[in-house]
Amino acid sequence: YWIGEPYWGKGIASEAARVTVEFAFDILGTA
C-alpha cells in the first residue's frame, strides 16, 4: 500500500489494511 502524504497519521492505512486482510482470508481463502 501507499497513502498520499496529506493523509498520513489518520488511521486510513490501518483501516484499509484490516479490510484487505479480511478480504484475503475470508473471501479469497488465502492461507
All heavy atoms as atom14 arrays in JSON, in Angstrom:
{
  "sequence": "YWIGEPYWGKGIASEAARVTVEFAFDILGTA",
  "atom14_mask": [
    [1, 1, 1, 1, 1, 1, 1, 1, 1, 1, 1, 1, 0, 0],
    [1, 1, 1, 1, 1, 1, 1, 1, 1, 1, 1, 1, 1, 1],
    [1, 1, 1, 1, 1, 1, 1, 1, 0, 0, 0, 0, 0, 0],
    [1, 1, 1, 1, 0, 0, 0, 0, 0, 0, 0, 0, 0, 0],
    [1, 1, 1, 1, 1, 1, 1, 1, 1, 0, 0, 0, 0, 0],
    [1, 1, 1, 1, 1, 1, 1, 0, 0, 0, 0, 0, 0, 0],
    [1, 1, 1, 1, 1, 1, 1, 1, 1, 1, 1, 1, 0, 0],
    [1, 1, 1, 1, 1, 1, 1, 1, 1, 1, 1, 1, 1, 1],
    [1, 1, 1, 1, 0, 0, 0, 0, 0, 0, 0, 0, 0, 0],
    [1, 1, 1, 1, 1, 1, 1, 1, 1, 0, 0, 0, 0, 0],
    [1, 1, 1, 1, 0, 0, 0, 0, 0, 0, 0, 0, 0, 0],
    [1, 1, 1, 1, 1, 1, 1, 1, 0, 0, 0, 0, 0, 0],
    [1, 1, 1, 1, 1, 0, 0, 0, 0, 0, 0, 0, 0, 0],
    [1, 1, 1, 1, 1, 1, 0, 0, 0, 0, 0, 0, 0, 0],
    [1, 1, 1, 1, 1, 1, 1, 1, 1, 0, 0, 0, 0, 0],
    [1, 1, 1, 1, 1, 0, 0, 0, 0, 0, 0, 0, 0, 0],
    [1, 1, 1, 1, 1, 0, 0, 0, 0, 0, 0, 0, 0, 0],
    [1, 1, 1, 1, 1, 1, 1, 1, 1, 1, 1, 0, 0, 0],
    [1, 1, 1, 1, 1, 1, 1, 0, 0, 0, 0, 0, 0, 0],
    [1, 1, 1, 1, 1, 1, 1, 0, 0, 0, 0, 0, 0, 0],
    [1, 1, 1, 1, 1, 1, 1, 0, 0, 0, 0, 0, 0, 0],
    [1, 1, 1, 1, 1, 1, 1, 1, 1, 0, 0, 0, 0, 0],
    [1, 1, 1, 1, 1, 1, 1, 1, 1, 1, 1, 0, 0, 0],
    [1, 1, 1, 1, 1, 0, 0, 0, 0, 0, 0, 0, 0, 0],
    [1, 1, 1, 1, 1, 1, 1, 1, 1, 1, 1, 0, 0, 0],
    [1, 1, 1, 1, 1, 1, 1, 1, 0, 0, 0, 0, 0, 0],
    [1, 1, 1, 1, 1, 1, 1, 1, 0, 0, 0, 0, 0, 0],
    [1, 1, 1, 1, 1, 1, 1, 1, 0, 0, 0, 0, 0, 0],
    [1, 1, 1, 1, 0, 0, 0, 0, 0, 0, 0, 0, 0, 0],
    [1, 1, 1, 1, 1, 1, 1, 0, 0, 0, 0, 0, 0, 0],
    [1, 1, 1, 1, 1, 0, 0, 0, 0, 0, 0, 0, 0, 0]
  ],
  "atom14_positions": [
    [[0.83, -1.2, 0.0], [0.0, 0.0, 0.0], [0.86, 1.25, 0.0], [2.05, 1.2, 0.3], [-0.93, 0.02, 1.23], [-0.19, -0.13, 2.53], [0.32, 0.97, 3.21], [0.01, -1.39, 3.08], [1.02, 0.81, 4.39], [0.71, -1.56, 4.26], [1.22, -0.46, 4.91], [1.92, -0.61, 6.07], [0.0, 0.0, 0.0], [0.0, 0.0, 0.0]],
    [[0.25, 2.35, -0.36], [0.8, 3.69, -0.12], [-0.37, 4.64, 0.08], [-1.46, 4.43, -0.44], [1.74, 4.17, -1.23], [1.18, 4.25, -2.62], [1.36, 3.35, -3.64], [0.35, 5.29, -3.15], [0.68, 3.77, -4.75], [0.05, 4.96, -4.49], [-0.19, 6.47, -2.63], [-0.74, 5.75, -5.31], [-0.99, 7.27, -3.45], [-1.25, 6.9, -4.77]],
    [[-0.13, 5.65, 0.88], [-1.12, 6.67, 1.2], [-0.5, 8.02, 0.86], [0.68, 8.25, 1.17], [-1.49, 6.65, 2.71], [-1.96, 5.27, 3.15], [-2.52, 7.74, 3.05], [-3.26, 4.82, 2.57], [0.0, 0.0, 0.0], [0.0, 0.0, 0.0], [0.0, 0.0, 0.0], [0.0, 0.0, 0.0], [0.0, 0.0, 0.0], [0.0, 0.0, 0.0]],
    [[-1.27, 8.92, 0.26], [-0.78, 10.27, -0.01], [-0.39, 10.96, 1.29], [-1.07, 10.82, 2.31], [0.0, 0.0, 0.0], [0.0, 0.0, 0.0], [0.0, 0.0, 0.0], [0.0, 0.0, 0.0], [0.0, 0.0, 0.0], [0.0, 0.0, 0.0], [0.0, 0.0, 0.0], [0.0, 0.0, 0.0], [0.0, 0.0, 0.0], [0.0, 0.0, 0.0]],
    [[0.7, 11.7, 1.26], [1.24, 12.3, 2.49], [0.24, 13.14, 3.29], [0.25, 13.08, 4.52], [2.49, 13.12, 2.17], [3.18, 13.6, 3.43], [4.5, 14.29, 3.17], [4.81, 14.65, 2.01], [5.24, 14.5, 4.16], [0.0, 0.0, 0.0], [0.0, 0.0, 0.0], [0.0, 0.0, 0.0], [0.0, 0.0, 0.0], [0.0, 0.0, 0.0]],
    [[-0.65, 13.91, 2.65], [-1.59, 14.7, 3.47], [-2.51, 13.84, 4.35], [-3.16, 14.34, 5.26], [-2.43, 15.46, 2.43], [-1.6, 15.47, 1.2], [-0.79, 14.2, 1.23], [0.0, 0.0, 0.0], [0.0, 0.0, 0.0], [0.0, 0.0, 0.0], [0.0, 0.0, 0.0], [0.0, 0.0, 0.0], [0.0, 0.0, 0.0], [0.0, 0.0, 0.0]],
    [[-2.56, 12.52, 4.1], [-3.48, 11.63, 4.79], [-2.77, 10.68, 5.76], [-3.4, 9.78, 6.32], [-4.33, 10.86, 3.77], [-4.88, 11.82, 2.75], [-4.31, 11.94, 1.48], [-5.92, 12.69, 3.09], [-4.77, 12.87, 0.58], [-6.4, 13.63, 2.19], [-5.81, 13.71, 0.94], [-6.27, 14.65, 0.05], [0.0, 0.0, 0.0], [0.0, 0.0, 0.0]],
    [[-1.48, 10.89, 5.98], [-0.72, 10.07, 6.92], [-1.2, 10.36, 8.34], [-1.59, 11.49, 8.68], [0.76, 10.36, 6.82], [1.41, 9.91, 5.54], [0.83, 9.27, 4.49], [2.78, 10.11, 5.17], [1.75, 9.05, 3.5], [2.95, 9.56, 3.88], [3.86, 10.7, 5.8], [4.17, 9.56, 3.23], [5.08, 10.71, 5.14], [5.23, 10.14, 3.88]],
    [[-1.13, 9.35, 9.2], [-1.43, 9.53, 10.62], [-2.9, 9.7, 10.95], [-3.24, 10.12, 12.05], [0.0, 0.0, 0.0], [0.0, 0.0, 0.0], [0.0, 0.0, 0.0], [0.0, 0.0, 0.0], [0.0, 0.0, 0.0], [0.0, 0.0, 0.0], [0.0, 0.0, 0.0], [0.0, 0.0, 0.0], [0.0, 0.0, 0.0], [0.0, 0.0, 0.0]],
    [[-3.78, 9.33, 10.03], [-5.22, 9.5, 10.26], [-5.94, 8.16, 10.4], [-7.17, 8.11, 10.41], [-5.83, 10.32, 9.13], [-5.24, 11.72, 9.02], [-5.9, 12.53, 7.93], [-5.29, 13.88, 7.71], [-4.95, 14.67, 8.83], [0.0, 0.0, 0.0], [0.0, 0.0, 0.0], [0.0, 0.0, 0.0], [0.0, 0.0, 0.0], [0.0, 0.0, 0.0]],
    [[-5.19, 7.06, 10.47], [-5.8, 5.74, 10.62], [-6.3, 5.13, 9.32], [-6.86, 4.03, 9.32], [0.0, 0.0, 0.0], [0.0, 0.0, 0.0], [0.0, 0.0, 0.0], [0.0, 0.0, 0.0], [0.0, 0.0, 0.0], [0.0, 0.0, 0.0], [0.0, 0.0, 0.0], [0.0, 0.0, 0.0], [0.0, 0.0, 0.0], [0.0, 0.0, 0.0]],
    [[-6.1, 5.81, 8.22], [-6.61, 5.32, 6.93], [-5.9, 4.04, 6.5], [-6.55, 3.06, 6.12], [-6.48, 6.42, 5.84], [-7.4, 7.59, 6.2], [-6.8, 5.86, 4.46], [-7.17, 8.84, 5.37], [0.0, 0.0, 0.0], [0.0, 0.0, 0.0], [0.0, 0.0, 0.0], [0.0, 0.0, 0.0], [0.0, 0.0, 0.0], [0.0, 0.0, 0.0]],
    [[-4.58, 4.02, 6.58], [-3.83, 2.83, 6.16], [-4.17, 1.64, 7.05], [-4.31, 0.52, 6.57], [-2.33, 3.11, 6.16], [0.0, 0.0, 0.0], [0.0, 0.0, 0.0], [0.0, 0.0, 0.0], [0.0, 0.0, 0.0], [0.0, 0.0, 0.0], [0.0, 0.0, 0.0], [0.0, 0.0, 0.0], [0.0, 0.0, 0.0], [0.0, 0.0, 0.0]],
    [[-4.31, 1.87, 8.35], [-4.65, 0.78, 9.27], [-6.01, 0.18, 8.94], [-6.17, -1.04, 8.9], [-4.64, 1.27, 10.72], [-3.35, 1.66, 11.09], [0.0, 0.0, 0.0], [0.0, 0.0, 0.0], [0.0, 0.0, 0.0], [0.0, 0.0, 0.0], [0.0, 0.0, 0.0], [0.0, 0.0, 0.0], [0.0, 0.0, 0.0], [0.0, 0.0, 0.0]],
    [[-6.99, 1.04, 8.7], [-8.33, 0.53, 8.36], [-8.32, -0.18, 7.01], [-8.91, -1.25, 6.86], [-9.35, 1.65, 8.36], [-10.75, 1.13, 8.11], [-11.84, 2.18, 8.21], [-11.58, 3.3, 8.69], [-12.97, 1.86, 7.79], [0.0, 0.0, 0.0], [0.0, 0.0, 0.0], [0.0, 0.0, 0.0], [0.0, 0.0, 0.0], [0.0, 0.0, 0.0]],
    [[-7.63, 0.39, 6.04], [-7.55, -0.25, 4.72], [-6.85, -1.61, 4.82], [-7.27, -2.59, 4.19], [-6.81, 0.65, 3.74], [0.0, 0.0, 0.0], [0.0, 0.0, 0.0], [0.0, 0.0, 0.0], [0.0, 0.0, 0.0], [0.0, 0.0, 0.0], [0.0, 0.0, 0.0], [0.0, 0.0, 0.0], [0.0, 0.0, 0.0], [0.0, 0.0, 0.0]],
    [[-5.8, -1.69, 5.64], [-5.09, -2.96, 5.83], [-6.01, -3.99, 6.49], [-6.05, -5.16, 6.07], [-3.83, -2.75, 6.66], [0.0, 0.0, 0.0], [0.0, 0.0, 0.0], [0.0, 0.0, 0.0], [0.0, 0.0, 0.0], [0.0, 0.0, 0.0], [0.0, 0.0, 0.0], [0.0, 0.0, 0.0], [0.0, 0.0, 0.0], [0.0, 0.0, 0.0]],
    [[-6.77, -3.59, 7.49], [-7.69, -4.5, 8.17], [-8.73, -5.06, 7.19], [-8.96, -6.26, 7.12], [-8.39, -3.8, 9.33], [-9.36, -4.7, 10.1], [-10.19, -3.95, 11.12], [-10.91, -2.81, 10.59], [-12.03, -2.87, 9.86], [-12.56, -4.05, 9.54], [-12.62, -1.77, 9.43], [0.0, 0.0, 0.0], [0.0, 0.0, 0.0], [0.0, 0.0, 0.0]],
    [[-9.33, -4.18, 6.39], [-10.34, -4.6, 5.41], [-9.71, -5.54, 4.37], [-10.31, -6.55, 3.99], [-10.99, -3.37, 4.74], [-11.88, -3.77, 3.57], [-11.8, -2.57, 5.77], [0.0, 0.0, 0.0], [0.0, 0.0, 0.0], [0.0, 0.0, 0.0], [0.0, 0.0, 0.0], [0.0, 0.0, 0.0], [0.0, 0.0, 0.0], [0.0, 0.0, 0.0]],
    [[-8.51, -5.23, 3.92], [-7.84, -6.05, 2.91], [-7.45, -7.42, 3.46], [-7.58, -8.44, 2.77], [-6.61, -5.31, 2.35], [-7.04, -4.04, 1.84], [-5.93, -6.1, 1.24], [0.0, 0.0, 0.0], [0.0, 0.0, 0.0], [0.0, 0.0, 0.0], [0.0, 0.0, 0.0], [0.0, 0.0, 0.0], [0.0, 0.0, 0.0], [0.0, 0.0, 0.0]],
    [[-6.99, -7.45, 4.7], [-6.65, -8.74, 5.33], [-7.9, -9.61, 5.45], [-7.87, -10.81, 5.14], [-5.98, -8.5, 6.72], [-5.97, -9.76, 7.56], [-4.56, -7.96, 6.53], [0.0, 0.0, 0.0], [0.0, 0.0, 0.0], [0.0, 0.0, 0.0], [0.0, 0.0, 0.0], [0.0, 0.0, 0.0], [0.0, 0.0, 0.0], [0.0, 0.0, 0.0]],
    [[-9.01, -9.01, 5.86], [-10.27, -9.77, 5.96], [-10.69, -10.3, 4.58], [-11.12, -11.45, 4.45], [-11.37, -8.9, 6.57], [-11.15, -8.66, 8.05], [-12.1, -7.63, 8.64], [-12.99, -7.13, 7.93], [-11.93, -7.32, 9.84], [0.0, 0.0, 0.0], [0.0, 0.0, 0.0], [0.0, 0.0, 0.0], [0.0, 0.0, 0.0], [0.0, 0.0, 0.0]],
    [[-10.55, -9.48, 3.55], [-10.86, -9.9, 2.19], [-9.98, -11.09, 1.78], [-10.47, -12.08, 1.25], [-10.67, -8.72, 1.22], [-10.72, -9.07, -0.23], [-11.92, -9.45, -0.83], [-9.58, -9.02, -1.02], [-11.97, -9.76, -2.19], [-9.62, -9.32, -2.37], [-10.82, -9.7, -2.95], [0.0, 0.0, 0.0], [0.0, 0.0, 0.0], [0.0, 0.0, 0.0]],
    [[-8.68, -10.98, 2.06], [-7.74, -12.03, 1.67], [-8.09, -13.37, 2.31], [-8.12, -14.4, 1.63], [-6.32, -11.63, 2.04], [0.0, 0.0, 0.0], [0.0, 0.0, 0.0], [0.0, 0.0, 0.0], [0.0, 0.0, 0.0], [0.0, 0.0, 0.0], [0.0, 0.0, 0.0], [0.0, 0.0, 0.0], [0.0, 0.0, 0.0], [0.0, 0.0, 0.0]],
    [[-8.35, -13.36, 3.6], [-8.62, -14.61, 4.3], [-10.07, -15.08, 4.16], [-10.32, -16.25, 3.9], [-8.25, -14.49, 5.78], [-6.77, -14.42, 6.02], [-6.22, -13.32, 6.65], [-5.93, -15.44, 5.62], [-4.83, -13.24, 6.87], [-4.56, -15.38, 5.82], [-4.01, -14.28, 6.44], [0.0, 0.0, 0.0], [0.0, 0.0, 0.0], [0.0, 0.0, 0.0]],
    [[-11.03, -14.17, 4.32], [-12.43, -14.56, 4.38], [-13.08, -14.74, 3.02], [-14.01, -15.52, 2.88], [-13.24, -13.55, 5.2], [-12.73, -13.43, 6.64], [-11.97, -14.32, 7.09], [-13.08, -12.44, 7.31], [0.0, 0.0, 0.0], [0.0, 0.0, 0.0], [0.0, 0.0, 0.0], [0.0, 0.0, 0.0], [0.0, 0.0, 0.0], [0.0, 0.0, 0.0]],
    [[-12.63, -14.01, 2.02], [-13.24, -14.09, 0.68], [-12.37, -14.9, -0.29], [-12.84, -15.8, -0.96], [-13.51, -12.69, 0.08], [-14.34, -11.83, 1.03], [-14.15, -12.79, -1.3], [-15.72, -12.34, 1.34], [0.0, 0.0, 0.0], [0.0, 0.0, 0.0], [0.0, 0.0, 0.0], [0.0, 0.0, 0.0], [0.0, 0.0, 0.0], [0.0, 0.0, 0.0]],
    [[-11.09, -14.57, -0.35], [-10.2, -15.27, -1.28], [-9.73, -16.62, -0.75], [-9.26, -17.45, -1.52], [-8.98, -14.4, -1.62], [-9.24, -13.09, -2.35], [-7.93, -12.36, -2.61], [-9.99, -13.33, -3.66], [0.0, 0.0, 0.0], [0.0, 0.0, 0.0], [0.0, 0.0, 0.0], [0.0, 0.0, 0.0], [0.0, 0.0, 0.0], [0.0, 0.0, 0.0]],
    [[-9.81, -16.83, 0.56], [-9.35, -18.09, 1.13], [-7.84, -18.24, 1.16], [-7.3, -19.34, 1.12], [0.0, 0.0, 0.0], [0.0, 0.0, 0.0], [0.0, 0.0, 0.0], [0.0, 0.0, 0.0], [0.0, 0.0, 0.0], [0.0, 0.0, 0.0], [0.0, 0.0, 0.0], [0.0, 0.0, 0.0], [0.0, 0.0, 0.0], [0.0, 0.0, 0.0]],
    [[-7.14, -17.12, 1.24], [-5.68, -17.11, 1.29], [-5.2, -17.85, 2.54], [-5.79, -17.7, 3.62], [-5.18, -15.65, 1.32], [-5.65, -15.0, 0.14], [-3.67, -15.56, 1.38], [0.0, 0.0, 0.0], [0.0, 0.0, 0.0], [0.0, 0.0, 0.0], [0.0, 0.0, 0.0], [0.0, 0.0, 0.0], [0.0, 0.0, 0.0], [0.0, 0.0, 0.0]],
    [[-4.13, -18.61, 2.42], [-3.58, -19.34, 3.57], [-2.57, -18.49, 4.35], [-2.46, -18.61, 5.57], [-2.9, -20.62, 3.1], [0.0, 0.0, 0.0], [0.0, 0.0, 0.0], [0.0, 0.0, 0.0], [0.0, 0.0, 0.0], [0.0, 0.0, 0.0], [0.0, 0.0, 0.0], [0.0, 0.0, 0.0], [0.0, 0.0, 0.0], [0.0, 0.0, 0.0]]
  ]
}
